[in-house]
Structures are given as C-alpha cells and as structure tokens.
C-alpha atoms as a PDB file:
ATOM      1  CA  MET A   1    -149.409 131.397 200.100  1.00  0.00           C
ATOM      2  CA  THR A   2    -152.392 133.682 198.975  1.00  0.00           C
ATOM      3  CA  VAL A   3    -153.836 136.860 200.455  1.00  0.00           C
ATOM      4  CA  LEU A   4    -157.101 138.281 199.548  1.00  0.00           C
ATOM      5  CA  ILE A   5    -157.968 141.935 199.860  1.00  0.00           C
ATOM      6  CA  VAL A   6    -161.469 143.250 199.825  1.00  0.00           C
ATOM      7  CA  ASP A   7    -162.910 146.520 200.109  1.00  0.00           C
ATOM      8  CA  ASP A   8    -165.768 148.332 198.072  1.00  0.00           C
ATOM      9  CA  GLU A   9    -163.427 151.440 198.078  1.00  0.00           C
ATOM     10  CA  VAL A  10    -160.981 150.790 195.256  1.00  0.00           C
ATOM     11  CA  TYR A  11    -158.674 153.221 196.674  1.00  0.00           C
ATOM     12  CA  MET A  12    -158.504 151.067 200.033  1.00  0.00           C
ATOM     13  CA  VAL A  13    -157.585 148.122 198.221  1.00  0.00           C
ATOM     14  CA  GLU A  14    -154.627 149.726 196.411  1.00  0.00           C
ATOM     15  CA  TYR A  15    -153.543 151.134 199.486  1.00  0.00           C
ATOM     16  CA  ILE A  16    -153.418 147.929 201.568  1.00  0.00           C
ATOM     17  CA  LYS A  17    -151.972 146.374 198.489  1.00  0.00           C
ATOM     18  CA  LYS A  18    -149.032 148.527 198.350  1.00  0.00           C
ATOM     19  CA  LEU A  19    -148.536 148.937 202.224  1.00  0.00           C
ATOM     20  CA  VAL A  20    -146.853 145.565 202.879  1.00  0.00           C
ATOM     21  CA  ASP A  21    -144.018 143.998 201.109  1.00  0.00           C
ATOM     22  CA  TRP A  22    -146.241 140.717 200.820  1.00  0.00           C
ATOM     23  CA  GLY A  23    -143.400 138.690 199.269  1.00  0.00           C
ATOM     24  CA  LYS A  24    -141.224 139.319 202.498  1.00  0.00           C
ATOM     25  CA  TYR A  25    -143.694 137.558 204.547  1.00  0.00           C
ATOM     26  CA  GLY A  26    -144.256 134.377 202.105  1.00  0.00           C
ATOM     27  CA  PHE A  27    -147.158 135.751 200.211  1.00  0.00           C
ATOM     28  CA  ASN A  28    -146.825 134.929 196.335  1.00  0.00           C
ATOM     29  CA  GLN A  29    -150.197 135.447 195.278  1.00  0.00           C
ATOM     30  CA  LEU A  30    -152.213 138.875 195.823  1.00  0.00           C
ATOM     31  CA  LEU A  31    -155.978 138.559 194.860  1.00  0.00           C
ATOM     32  CA  THR A  32    -158.295 141.514 195.081  1.00  0.00           C
ATOM     33  CA  ALA A  33    -162.113 142.137 195.139  1.00  0.00           C
ATOM     34  CA  GLY A  34    -164.106 145.358 194.930  1.00  0.00           C
ATOM     35  CA  GLY A  35    -166.987 143.655 196.909  1.00  0.00           C
ATOM     36  CA  GLY A  36    -168.183 140.476 198.585  1.00  0.00           C
ATOM     37  CA  SER A  37    -169.636 138.702 195.873  1.00  0.00           C
ATOM     38  CA  LEU A  38    -166.617 138.284 193.941  1.00  0.00           C
ATOM     39  CA  ALA A  39    -164.445 137.767 197.011  1.00  0.00           C
ATOM     40  CA  ARG A  40    -166.894 134.825 197.909  1.00  0.00           C
ATOM     41  CA  ASP A  41    -166.064 133.228 194.766  1.00  0.00           C
ATOM     42  CA  LEU A  42    -162.298 133.813 195.070  1.00  0.00           C
ATOM     43  CA  ILE A  43    -162.269 132.228 198.473  1.00  0.00           C
ATOM     44  CA  LYS A  44    -163.972 129.365 197.207  1.00  0.00           C
ATOM     45  CA  GLU A  45    -161.685 128.720 194.377  1.00  0.00           C
ATOM     46  CA  HIS A  46    -158.525 129.746 196.084  1.00  0.00           C
ATOM     47  CA  GLN A  47    -158.947 129.221 199.653  1.00  0.00           C
ATOM     48  CA  PRO A  48    -156.267 132.127 200.665  1.00  0.00           C
ATOM     49  CA  GLU A  49    -154.243 131.756 203.774  1.00  0.00           C
ATOM     50  CA  LEU A  50    -155.292 135.246 204.594  1.00  0.00           C
ATOM     51  CA  LEU A  51    -158.369 137.553 204.181  1.00  0.00           C
ATOM     52  CA  ILE A  52    -158.129 141.017 204.653  1.00  0.00           C
ATOM     53  CA  THR A  53    -161.667 142.630 204.554  1.00  0.00           C
ATOM     54  CA  ASP A  54    -163.928 145.722 205.133  1.00  0.00           C
ATOM     55  CA  ILE A  55    -166.530 144.933 207.536  1.00  0.00           C
ATOM     56  CA  LYS A  56    -169.236 146.602 205.911  1.00  0.00           C
ATOM     57  CA  MET A  57    -169.974 146.273 202.115  1.00  0.00           C
ATOM     58  CA  PRO A  58    -173.074 145.965 199.840  1.00  0.00           C
ATOM     59  CA  LYS A  59    -174.663 142.644 199.504  1.00  0.00           C
ATOM     60  CA  ILE A  60    -171.985 140.481 201.308  1.00  0.00           C
ATOM     61  CA  SER A  61    -170.171 142.088 204.371  1.00  0.00           C
ATOM     62  CA  GLY A  62    -166.801 140.991 205.961  1.00  0.00           C
ATOM     63  CA  ILE A  63    -168.782 139.163 208.647  1.00  0.00           C
ATOM     64  CA  ASP A  64    -170.639 137.149 205.651  1.00  0.00           C
ATOM     65  CA  LEU A  65    -167.169 136.357 204.475  1.00  0.00           C
ATOM     66  CA  ALA A  66    -165.618 135.185 207.621  1.00  0.00           C
ATOM     67  CA  GLN A  67    -168.765 133.023 208.160  1.00  0.00           C
ATOM     68  CA  ILE A  68    -168.300 131.292 204.721  1.00  0.00           C
ATOM     69  CA  ILE A  69    -164.538 130.524 205.917  1.00  0.00           C
ATOM     70  CA  ALA A  70    -165.924 129.060 209.057  1.00  0.00           C
ATOM     71  CA  GLU A  71    -168.646 127.020 207.621  1.00  0.00           C
ATOM     72  CA  ASN A  72    -166.335 125.629 205.097  1.00  0.00           C
ATOM     73  CA  SER A  73    -163.558 124.931 207.411  1.00  0.00           C
ATOM     74  CA  TYR A  74    -161.037 126.751 205.482  1.00  0.00           C
ATOM     75  CA  ARG A  75    -157.818 127.535 206.982  1.00  0.00           C
ATOM     76  CA  THR A  76    -157.972 131.215 206.049  1.00  0.00           C
ATOM     77  CA  LYS A  77    -157.026 133.612 208.975  1.00  0.00           C
ATOM     78  CA  VAL A  78    -159.208 136.835 208.751  1.00  0.00           C
ATOM     79  CA  ILE A  79    -158.415 140.433 209.383  1.00  0.00           C
ATOM     80  CA  ILE A  80    -161.472 142.649 209.494  1.00  0.00           C
ATOM     81  CA  ILE A  81    -160.770 146.454 209.028  1.00  0.00           C
ATOM     82  CA  SER A  82    -163.519 149.193 209.534  1.00  0.00           C
ATOM     83  CA  GLY A  83    -163.793 152.798 209.136  1.00  0.00           C
ATOM     84  CA  TYR A  84    -166.295 152.918 211.751  1.00  0.00           C
ATOM     85  CA  SER A  85    -165.486 154.566 215.308  1.00  0.00           C
ATOM     86  CA  ASP A  86    -168.106 152.866 216.930  1.00  0.00           C
ATOM     87  CA  PHE A  87    -166.967 148.947 217.319  1.00  0.00           C
ATOM     88  CA  ALA A  88    -170.129 148.012 218.966  1.00  0.00           C
ATOM     89  CA  PHE A  89    -170.824 147.278 215.246  1.00  0.00           C
ATOM     90  CA  ALA A  90    -168.370 144.882 214.983  1.00  0.00           C
END
C-alpha cells in the first residue's frame, strides 16, 4: 500500500514520516510532497491508499486534494491535519 504525506512545512513531513512504523501497518511505499501541486500529480499517478495532508497550503489546499480524490472516485482515505486551533475553518 502507498501513503502520501503532504505539508508545506518540510519539518512536518519529516516528523510524520518518522512518527509511524509504516511497514508495520502494510505501507510499503511512502511518498511525500512539500505542496499541493506536486501532491495532486502524485495522487493522480499513484492513487495512494492513504493521504495525510495539511489543510492550508498555498495554491492547492488539503481540502482541494480531498476534492480531487472524491471527483475521481479514488479509494484513498484522507487524514487532514491543521495547526489552527479554530476548526470552523475546517
């Protein structure tokens, strides 16, 4: 299975990447992107089983990525993360 981790803060991508023993949960491919544009392309190319994404990024947000997944009927599960304390935004 494939997981895609997306955040415009590179240190967050690295942190999440190291946070979990991905292989233990069946993920044999770990993809990362530092923004929504690259993530959009990776989603279309690899159709990962799991997307972990920041909610707010320049140009293409985590919400936009989730919409792309829904519009294309990909089976990707989405986890949206945010540093915002006000979840009305989400």
